[in-house]
PDB file of all heavy atoms in Angstrom:
ATOM      1  N   ASN A   1       0.830  -1.206   0.012  1.00  0.00           N
ATOM      2  CA  ASN A   1      -0.004   0.006  -0.017  1.00  0.00           C
ATOM      3  C   ASN A   1       0.834   1.268  -0.004  1.00  0.00           C
ATOM      4  O   ASN A   1       0.550   2.241  -0.703  1.00  0.00           O
ATOM      5  CB  ASN A   1      -0.917   0.008   1.229  1.00  0.00           C
ATOM      6  CG  ASN A   1      -2.023  -1.037   1.124  1.00  0.00           C
ATOM      7  OD1 ASN A   1      -2.149  -1.676   0.088  1.00  0.00           O
ATOM      8  ND2 ASN A   1      -2.774  -1.195   2.179  1.00  0.00           N
ATOM      9  N   VAL A   2       1.940   1.233   0.793  1.00  0.00           N
ATOM     10  CA  VAL A   2       2.871   2.410   0.837  1.00  0.00           C
ATOM     11  C   VAL A   2       3.482   2.592  -0.552  1.00  0.00           C
ATOM     12  O   VAL A   2       3.525   3.732  -1.053  1.00  0.00           O
ATOM     13  CB  VAL A   2       3.923   2.172   1.915  1.00  0.00           C
ATOM     14  CG1 VAL A   2       5.033   3.219   1.740  1.00  0.00           C
ATOM     15  CG2 VAL A   2       3.345   2.238   3.292  1.00  0.00           C
ATOM     16  N   SER A   3       3.950   1.528  -1.166  1.00  0.00           N
ATOM     17  CA  SER A   3       4.593   1.632  -2.482  1.00  0.00           C
ATOM     18  C   SER A   3       3.587   2.129  -3.503  1.00  0.00           C
ATOM     19  O   SER A   3       3.934   2.958  -4.375  1.00  0.00           O
ATOM     20  CB  SER A   3       5.126   0.267  -2.900  1.00  0.00           C
ATOM     21  OG  SER A   3       6.087  -0.204  -1.981  1.00  0.00           O
ATOM     22  N   LEU A   4       2.343   1.634  -3.447  1.00  0.00           N
ATOM     23  CA  LEU A   4       1.331   2.074  -4.379  1.00  0.00           C
ATOM     24  C   LEU A   4       1.027   3.559  -4.196  1.00  0.00           C
ATOM     25  O   LEU A   4       0.847   4.296  -5.173  1.00  0.00           O
ATOM     26  CB  LEU A   4       0.058   1.246  -4.224  1.00  0.00           C
ATOM     27  CG  LEU A   4      -1.119   1.639  -5.105  1.00  0.00           C
ATOM     28  CD1 LEU A   4      -0.728   1.556  -6.599  1.00  0.00           C
ATOM     29  CD2 LEU A   4      -2.320   0.732  -4.814  1.00  0.00           C
ATOM     30  N   ALA A   5       0.992   4.008  -2.955  1.00  0.00           N
ATOM     31  CA  ALA A   5       0.721   5.442  -2.685  1.00  0.00           C
ATOM     32  C   ALA A   5       1.846   6.309  -3.251  1.00  0.00           C
ATOM     33  O   ALA A   5       1.582   7.362  -3.865  1.00  0.00           O
ATOM     34  CB  ALA A   5       0.580   5.671  -1.179  1.00  0.00           C
ATOM     35  N   VAL A   6       3.096   5.862  -3.046  1.00  0.00           N
ATOM     36  CA  VAL A   6       4.224   6.627  -3.548  1.00  0.00           C
ATOM     37  C   VAL A   6       4.159   6.687  -5.084  1.00  0.00           C
ATOM     38  O   VAL A   6       4.324   7.759  -5.705  1.00  0.00           O
ATOM     39  CB  VAL A   6       5.553   5.963  -3.116  1.00  0.00           C
ATOM     40  CG1 VAL A   6       6.736   6.597  -3.853  1.00  0.00           C
ATOM     41  CG2 VAL A   6       5.736   6.117  -1.637  1.00  0.00           C
ATOM     42  N   CYS A   7       3.884   5.550  -5.725  1.00  0.00           N
ATOM     43  CA  CYS A   7       3.785   5.508  -7.188  1.00  0.00           C
ATOM     44  C   CYS A   7       2.635   6.375  -7.687  1.00  0.00           C
ATOM     45  O   CYS A   7       2.770   7.042  -8.727  1.00  0.00           O
ATOM     46  CB  CYS A   7       3.613   4.081  -7.679  1.00  0.00           C
ATOM     47  SG  CYS A   7       5.065   3.011  -7.396  1.00  0.00           S
ATOM     48  N   THR A   8       1.546   6.387  -6.948  1.00  0.00           N
ATOM     49  CA  THR A   8       0.402   7.203  -7.356  1.00  0.00           C
ATOM     50  C   THR A   8       0.706   8.700  -7.298  1.00  0.00           C
ATOM     51  O   THR A   8       0.422   9.436  -8.234  1.00  0.00           O
ATOM     52  CB  THR A   8      -0.843   6.889  -6.437  1.00  0.00           C
ATOM     53  OG1 THR A   8      -1.157   5.525  -6.529  1.00  0.00           O
ATOM     54  CG2 THR A   8      -2.035   7.739  -6.837  1.00  0.00           C
ATOM     55  N   VAL A   9       1.366   9.117  -6.215  1.00  0.00           N
ATOM     56  CA  VAL A   9       1.720  10.530  -6.090  1.00  0.00           C
ATOM     57  C   VAL A   9       2.728  10.930  -7.172  1.00  0.00           C
ATOM     58  O   VAL A   9       2.567  11.983  -7.811  1.00  0.00           O
ATOM     59  CB  VAL A   9       2.299  10.799  -4.682  1.00  0.00           C
ATOM     60  CG1 VAL A   9       2.895  12.223  -4.612  1.00  0.00           C
ATOM     61  CG2 VAL A   9       1.268  10.596  -3.612  1.00  0.00           C
ATOM     62  N   ILE A  10       3.720  10.088  -7.426  1.00  0.00           N
ATOM     63  CA  ILE A  10       4.710  10.384  -8.460  1.00  0.00           C
ATOM     64  C   ILE A  10       4.028  10.457  -9.828  1.00  0.00           C
ATOM     65  O   ILE A  10       4.273  11.366 -10.620  1.00  0.00           O
ATOM     66  CB  ILE A  10       5.822   9.333  -8.464  1.00  0.00           C
ATOM     67  CG1 ILE A  10       6.665   9.421  -7.192  1.00  0.00           C
ATOM     68  CG2 ILE A  10       6.689   9.485  -9.693  1.00  0.00           C
ATOM     69  CD1 ILE A  10       7.691   8.350  -7.046  1.00  0.00           C
ATOM     70  N   GLY A  11       3.123   9.517 -10.108  1.00  0.00           N
ATOM     71  CA  GLY A  11       2.423   9.517 -11.368  1.00  0.00           C
ATOM     72  C   GLY A  11       1.605  10.772 -11.592  1.00  0.00           C
ATOM     73  O   GLY A  11       1.589  11.374 -12.662  1.00  0.00           O
ATOM     74  N   VAL A  12       0.857  11.197 -10.525  1.00  0.00           N
ATOM     75  CA  VAL A  12       0.042  12.403 -10.629  1.00  0.00           C
ATOM     76  C   VAL A  12       0.913  13.621 -10.883  1.00  0.00           C
ATOM     77  O   VAL A  12       0.597  14.444 -11.759  1.00  0.00           O
ATOM     78  CB  VAL A  12      -0.784  12.573  -9.366  1.00  0.00           C
ATOM     79  CG1 VAL A  12      -1.461  13.969  -9.332  1.00  0.00           C
ATOM     80  CG2 VAL A  12      -1.857  11.493  -9.238  1.00  0.00           C
ATOM     81  N   LEU A  13       2.044  13.738 -10.163  1.00  0.00           N
ATOM     82  CA  LEU A  13       2.895  14.895 -10.331  1.00  0.00           C
ATOM     83  C   LEU A  13       3.544  14.930 -11.723  1.00  0.00           C
ATOM     84  O   LEU A  13       3.549  15.962 -12.390  1.00  0.00           O
ATOM     85  CB  LEU A  13       3.976  14.911  -9.247  1.00  0.00           C
ATOM     86  CG  LEU A  13       3.489  15.149  -7.798  1.00  0.00           C
ATOM     87  CD1 LEU A  13       4.650  15.051  -6.828  1.00  0.00           C
ATOM     88  CD2 LEU A  13       2.802  16.493  -7.670  1.00  0.00           C
ATOM     89  N   VAL A  14       4.096  13.807 -12.141  1.00  0.00           N
ATOM     90  CA  VAL A  14       4.785  13.737 -13.401  1.00  0.00           C
ATOM     91  C   VAL A  14       3.839  13.969 -14.597  1.00  0.00           C
ATOM     92  O   VAL A  14       4.058  14.818 -15.469  1.00  0.00           O
ATOM     93  CB  VAL A  14       5.552  12.422 -13.595  1.00  0.00           C
ATOM     94  CG1 VAL A  14       6.086  12.252 -15.004  1.00  0.00           C
ATOM     95  CG2 VAL A  14       6.673  12.311 -12.596  1.00  0.00           C
ATOM     96  N   PHE A  15       2.749  13.230 -14.623  1.00  0.00           N
ATOM     97  CA  PHE A  15       1.821  13.360 -15.732  1.00  0.00           C
ATOM     98  C   PHE A  15       1.053  14.707 -15.671  1.00  0.00           C
ATOM     99  O   PHE A  15       0.664  15.254 -16.688  1.00  0.00           O
ATOM    100  CB  PHE A  15       0.831  12.190 -15.788  1.00  0.00           C
ATOM    101  CG  PHE A  15       1.462  10.939 -16.303  1.00  0.00           C
ATOM    102  CD1 PHE A  15       1.871   9.938 -15.407  1.00  0.00           C
ATOM    103  CD2 PHE A  15       1.676  10.743 -17.643  1.00  0.00           C
ATOM    104  CE1 PHE A  15       2.457   8.806 -15.891  1.00  0.00           C
ATOM    105  CE2 PHE A  15       2.261   9.569 -18.131  1.00  0.00           C
ATOM    106  CZ  PHE A  15       2.682   8.594 -17.233  1.00  0.00           C
ATOM    107  N   GLY A  16       0.855  15.205 -14.452  1.00  0.00           N
ATOM    108  CA  GLY A  16       0.240  16.522 -14.325  1.00  0.00           C
ATOM    109  C   GLY A  16       1.148  17.603 -14.918  1.00  0.00           C
ATOM    110  O   GLY A  16       0.686  18.500 -15.669  1.00  0.00           O
ATOM    111  N   ALA A  17       2.450  17.513 -14.613  1.00  0.00           N
ATOM    112  CA  ALA A  17       3.404  18.502 -15.181  1.00  0.00           C
ATOM    113  C   ALA A  17       3.468  18.349 -16.700  1.00  0.00           C
ATOM    114  O   ALA A  17       3.519  19.392 -17.419  1.00  0.00           O
ATOM    115  CB  ALA A  17       4.807  18.272 -14.585  1.00  0.00           C
ATOM    116  N   MET A  18       3.449  17.128 -17.219  1.00  0.00           N
ATOM    117  CA  MET A  18       3.453  16.930 -18.661  1.00  0.00           C
ATOM    118  C   MET A  18       2.202  17.543 -19.316  1.00  0.00           C
ATOM    119  O   MET A  18       2.264  18.192 -20.363  1.00  0.00           O
ATOM    120  CB  MET A  18       3.553  15.431 -18.984  1.00  0.00           C
ATOM    121  CG  MET A  18       4.917  14.825 -18.662  1.00  0.00           C
ATOM    122  SD  MET A  18       4.924  13.039 -18.875  1.00  0.00           S
ATOM    123  CE  MET A  18       4.491  12.918 -20.635  1.00  0.00           C
ATOM    124  N   PHE A  19       1.037  17.301 -18.666  1.00  0.00           N
ATOM    125  CA  PHE A  19      -0.206  17.851 -19.211  1.00  0.00           C
ATOM    126  C   PHE A  19      -0.193  19.364 -19.263  1.00  0.00           C
ATOM    127  O   PHE A  19      -0.554  19.983 -20.279  1.00  0.00           O
ATOM    128  CB  PHE A  19      -1.375  17.321 -18.338  1.00  0.00           C
ATOM    129  CG  PHE A  19      -2.717  17.814 -18.789  1.00  0.00           C
ATOM    130  CD1 PHE A  19      -3.441  17.154 -19.793  1.00  0.00           C
ATOM    131  CD2 PHE A  19      -3.297  18.967 -18.235  1.00  0.00           C
ATOM    132  CE1 PHE A  19      -4.656  17.600 -20.217  1.00  0.00           C
ATOM    133  CE2 PHE A  19      -4.528  19.424 -18.623  1.00  0.00           C
ATOM    134  CZ  PHE A  19      -5.227  18.750 -19.637  1.00  0.00           C
ATOM    135  N   ILE A  20       0.263  19.977 -18.171  1.00  0.00           N
ATOM    136  CA  ILE A  20       0.341  21.434 -18.140  1.00  0.00           C
ATOM    137  C   ILE A  20       1.293  21.974 -19.188  1.00  0.00           C
ATOM    138  O   ILE A  20       0.983  22.941 -19.894  1.00  0.00           O
ATOM    139  CB  ILE A  20       0.760  21.905 -16.714  1.00  0.00           C
ATOM    140  CG1 ILE A  20      -0.324  21.613 -15.685  1.00  0.00           C
ATOM    141  CG2 ILE A  20       1.066  23.418 -16.715  1.00  0.00           C
ATOM    142  CD1 ILE A  20       0.069  21.844 -14.264  1.00  0.00           C
ATOM    143  N   ALA A  21       2.450  21.294 -19.314  1.00  0.00           N
ATOM    144  CA  ALA A  21       3.461  21.752 -20.286  1.00  0.00           C
ATOM    145  C   ALA A  21       2.932  21.645 -21.710  1.00  0.00           C
ATOM    146  O   ALA A  21       3.155  22.552 -22.551  1.00  0.00           O
ATOM    147  CB  ALA A  21       4.732  20.951 -20.127  1.00  0.00           C
ATOM    148  N   MET A  22       2.211  20.555 -22.014  1.00  0.00           N
ATOM    149  CA  MET A  22       1.746  20.341 -23.405  1.00  0.00           C
ATOM    150  C   MET A  22       0.597  21.276 -23.785  1.00  0.00           C
ATOM    151  O   MET A  22       0.518  21.726 -24.916  1.00  0.00           O
ATOM    152  CB  MET A  22       1.313  18.888 -23.549  1.00  0.00           C
ATOM    153  CG  MET A  22       2.458  17.886 -23.598  1.00  0.00           C
ATOM    154  SD  MET A  22       1.911  16.227 -24.014  1.00  0.00           S
ATOM    155  CE  MET A  22       0.908  15.857 -22.606  1.00  0.00           C
ATOM    156  N   PHE A  23      -0.283  21.593 -22.833  1.00  0.00           N
ATOM    157  CA  PHE A  23      -1.487  22.334 -23.205  1.00  0.00           C
ATOM    158  C   PHE A  23      -1.363  23.838 -22.881  1.00  0.00           C
ATOM    159  O   PHE A  23      -1.878  24.687 -23.607  1.00  0.00           O
ATOM    160  CB  PHE A  23      -2.677  21.753 -22.541  1.00  0.00           C
ATOM    161  CG  PHE A  23      -3.102  20.412 -23.104  1.00  0.00           C
ATOM    162  CD1 PHE A  23      -2.602  19.235 -22.592  1.00  0.00           C
ATOM    163  CD2 PHE A  23      -3.957  20.335 -24.197  1.00  0.00           C
ATOM    164  CE1 PHE A  23      -2.945  18.018 -23.133  1.00  0.00           C
ATOM    165  CE2 PHE A  23      -4.290  19.112 -24.748  1.00  0.00           C
ATOM    166  CZ  PHE A  23      -3.806  17.957 -24.206  1.00  0.00           C
ATOM    167  N   ARG A  24      -0.694  24.171 -21.801  1.00  0.00           N
ATOM    168  CA  ARG A  24      -0.594  25.589 -21.457  1.00  0.00           C
ATOM    169  C   ARG A  24       0.516  26.287 -22.180  1.00  0.00           C
ATOM    170  O   ARG A  24       0.377  27.474 -22.543  1.00  0.00           O
ATOM    171  CB  ARG A  24      -0.380  25.744 -19.936  1.00  0.00           C
ATOM    172  CG  ARG A  24      -0.383  27.187 -19.482  1.00  0.00           C
ATOM    173  CD  ARG A  24      -0.299  27.265 -17.975  1.00  0.00           C
ATOM    174  NE  ARG A  24      -0.258  28.684 -17.547  1.00  0.00           N
ATOM    175  CZ  ARG A  24      -0.157  29.051 -16.270  1.00  0.00           C
ATOM    176  NH1 ARG A  24      -0.076  28.123 -15.301  1.00  0.00           N
ATOM    177  NH2 ARG A  24      -0.128  30.320 -15.970  1.00  0.00           N
ATOM    178  N   PHE A  25       1.603  25.597 -22.466  1.00  0.00           N
ATOM    179  CA  PHE A  25       2.752  26.210 -23.088  1.00  0.00           C
ATOM    180  C   PHE A  25       2.998  25.639 -24.502  1.00  0.00           C
ATOM    181  O   PHE A  25       4.136  25.447 -24.925  1.00  0.00           O
ATOM    182  CB  PHE A  25       3.994  25.998 -22.216  1.00  0.00           C
ATOM    183  CG  PHE A  25       3.847  26.556 -20.864  1.00  0.00           C
ATOM    184  CD1 PHE A  25       3.650  25.739 -19.743  1.00  0.00           C
ATOM    185  CD2 PHE A  25       3.881  27.924 -20.625  1.00  0.00           C
ATOM    186  CE1 PHE A  25       3.515  26.265 -18.481  1.00  0.00           C
ATOM    187  CE2 PHE A  25       3.750  28.484 -19.357  1.00  0.00           C
ATOM    188  CZ  PHE A  25       3.532  27.643 -18.294  1.00  0.00           C
ATOM    189  N   ARG A  26       1.901  25.382 -25.205  1.00  0.00           N
ATOM    190  CA  ARG A  26       2.071  24.888 -26.591  1.00  0.00           C
ATOM    191  C   ARG A  26       2.313  26.061 -27.547  1.00  0.00           C
ATOM    192  O   ARG A  26       1.972  27.218 -27.270  1.00  0.00           O
ATOM    193  CB  ARG A  26       0.843  24.092 -26.986  1.00  0.00           C
ATOM    194  CG  ARG A  26      -0.464  24.848 -27.071  1.00  0.00           C
ATOM    195  CD  ARG A  26      -1.599  23.864 -27.383  1.00  0.00           C
ATOM    196  NE  ARG A  26      -2.863  24.550 -27.570  1.00  0.00           N
ATOM    197  CZ  ARG A  26      -3.728  24.851 -26.604  1.00  0.00           C
ATOM    198  NH1 ARG A  26      -3.401  24.496 -25.342  1.00  0.00           N
ATOM    199  NH2 ARG A  26      -4.833  25.477 -26.857  1.00  0.00           N
ATOM    200  N   LYS A  27       2.895  25.762 -28.709  1.00  0.00           N
ATOM    201  CA  LYS A  27       3.276  26.768 -29.680  1.00  0.00           C
ATOM    202  C   LYS A  27       2.073  27.541 -30.213  1.00  0.00           C
ATOM    203  O   LYS A  27       2.159  28.763 -30.462  1.00  0.00           O
ATOM    204  CB  LYS A  27       4.013  26.085 -30.853  1.00  0.00           C
ATOM    205  CG  LYS A  27       4.557  27.080 -31.864  1.00  0.00           C
ATOM    206  CD  LYS A  27       5.333  26.309 -32.938  1.00  0.00           C
ATOM    207  CE  LYS A  27       5.869  27.284 -33.999  1.00  0.00           C
ATOM    208  NZ  LYS A  27       6.640  26.581 -35.057  1.00  0.00           N
ATOM    209  N   SER A  28       0.933  26.847 -30.356  1.00  0.00           N
ATOM    210  CA  SER A  28      -0.237  27.517 -30.915  1.00  0.00           C
ATOM    211  C   SER A  28      -0.740  28.640 -29.997  1.00  0.00           C
ATOM    212  O   SER A  28      -1.493  29.522 -30.449  1.00  0.00           O
ATOM    213  CB  SER A  28      -1.382  26.503 -31.146  1.00  0.00           C
ATOM    214  OG  SER A  28      -1.731  25.900 -29.924  1.00  0.00           O
ATOM    215  N   ARG A  29      -0.336  28.631 -28.761  1.00  0.00           N
ATOM    216  CA  ARG A  29      -0.736  29.707 -27.833  1.00  0.00           C
ATOM    217  C   ARG A  29       0.347  30.779 -27.737  1.00  0.00           C
ATOM    218  O   ARG A  29       0.257  31.678 -26.932  1.00  0.00           O
ATOM    219  CB  ARG A  29      -0.990  29.118 -26.448  1.00  0.00           C
ATOM    220  CG  ARG A  29      -2.219  28.190 -26.398  1.00  0.00           C
ATOM    221  CD  ARG A  29      -2.588  27.840 -24.963  1.00  0.00           C
ATOM    222  NE  ARG A  29      -2.935  29.036 -24.197  1.00  0.00           N
ATOM    223  CZ  ARG A  29      -3.314  29.011 -22.920  1.00  0.00           C
ATOM    224  NH1 ARG A  29      -3.367  27.849 -22.274  1.00  0.00           N
ATOM    225  NH2 ARG A  29      -3.595  30.136 -22.286  1.00  0.00           N
ATOM    226  N   GLY A  30       1.350  30.683 -28.580  1.00  0.00           N
ATOM    227  CA  GLY A  30       2.386  31.679 -28.627  1.00  0.00           C
ATOM    228  C   GLY A  30       3.513  31.475 -27.618  1.00  0.00           C
ATOM    229  O   GLY A  30       4.308  32.419 -27.394  1.00  0.00           O
ATOM    230  N   ALA A  31       3.565  30.313 -26.995  1.00  0.00           N
ATOM    231  CA  ALA A  31       4.656  30.065 -26.033  1.00  0.00           C
ATOM    232  C   ALA A  31       5.993  29.996 -26.717  1.00  0.00           C
ATOM    233  O   ALA A  31       6.117  29.446 -27.835  1.00  0.00           O
ATOM    234  CB  ALA A  31       4.371  28.736 -25.280  1.00  0.00           C
ATOM    235  N   VAL A  32       7.014  30.607 -26.084  1.00  0.00           N
ATOM    236  CA  VAL A  32       8.346  30.620 -26.638  1.00  0.00           C
ATOM    237  C   VAL A  32       9.246  29.883 -25.639  1.00  0.00           C
ATOM    238  O   VAL A  32       9.288  30.206 -24.457  1.00  0.00           O
ATOM    239  CB  VAL A  32       8.869  32.041 -26.869  1.00  0.00           C
ATOM    240  CG1 VAL A  32      10.300  32.021 -27.415  1.00  0.00           C
ATOM    241  CG2 VAL A  32       7.949  32.774 -27.836  1.00  0.00           C
ATOM    242  N   ALA A  33       9.990  28.910 -26.148  1.00  0.00           N
ATOM    243  CA  ALA A  33      10.855  28.104 -25.273  1.00  0.00           C
ATOM    244  C   ALA A  33      11.984  28.920 -24.752  1.00  0.00           C
ATOM    245  O   ALA A  33      12.566  29.778 -25.420  1.00  0.00           O
ATOM    246  CB  ALA A  33      11.358  26.872 -26.047  1.00  0.00           C
ATOM    247  N   GLU A  34      12.325  28.659 -23.482  1.00  0.00           N
ATOM    248  CA  GLU A  34      13.501  29.340 -22.871  1.00  0.00           C
ATOM    249  C   GLU A  34      14.779  28.766 -23.516  1.00  0.00           C
ATOM    250  O   GLU A  34      14.810  27.670 -24.078  1.00  0.00           O
ATOM    251  CB  GLU A  34      13.512  29.103 -21.382  1.00  0.00           C
ATOM    252  CG  GLU A  34      12.389  29.738 -20.625  1.00  0.00           C
ATOM    253  CD  GLU A  34      12.543  31.242 -20.517  1.00  0.00           C
ATOM    254  OE1 GLU A  34      13.583  31.769 -20.894  1.00  0.00           O
ATOM    255  OE2 GLU A  34      11.562  31.946 -20.112  1.00  0.00           O
ATOM    256  N   LYS A  35      15.894  29.531 -23.349  1.00  0.00           N
ATOM    257  CA  LYS A  35      17.127  29.133 -23.977  1.00  0.00           C
ATOM    258  C   LYS A  35      18.040  28.320 -23.034  1.00  0.00           C
ATOM    259  O   LYS A  35      18.990  27.672 -23.466  1.00  0.00           O
ATOM    260  CB  LYS A  35      17.917  30.382 -24.411  1.00  0.00           C
ATOM    261  CG  LYS A  35      17.127  31.282 -25.426  1.00  0.00           C
ATOM    262  CD  LYS A  35      16.828  30.504 -26.703  1.00  0.00           C
ATOM    263  CE  LYS A  35      16.136  31.407 -27.719  1.00  0.00           C
ATOM    264  NZ  LYS A  35      15.785  30.669 -28.958  1.00  0.00           N
TER     265      LYS A  35
END
């Protein structure tokens, strides 16, 4: 249960960050990548 909870939290954080990066900072919205 502890391992599953850790994996769940990591999954939510990682995929949440990916989701935000793909949709909020996409090129069609005018986002410009940092250097």
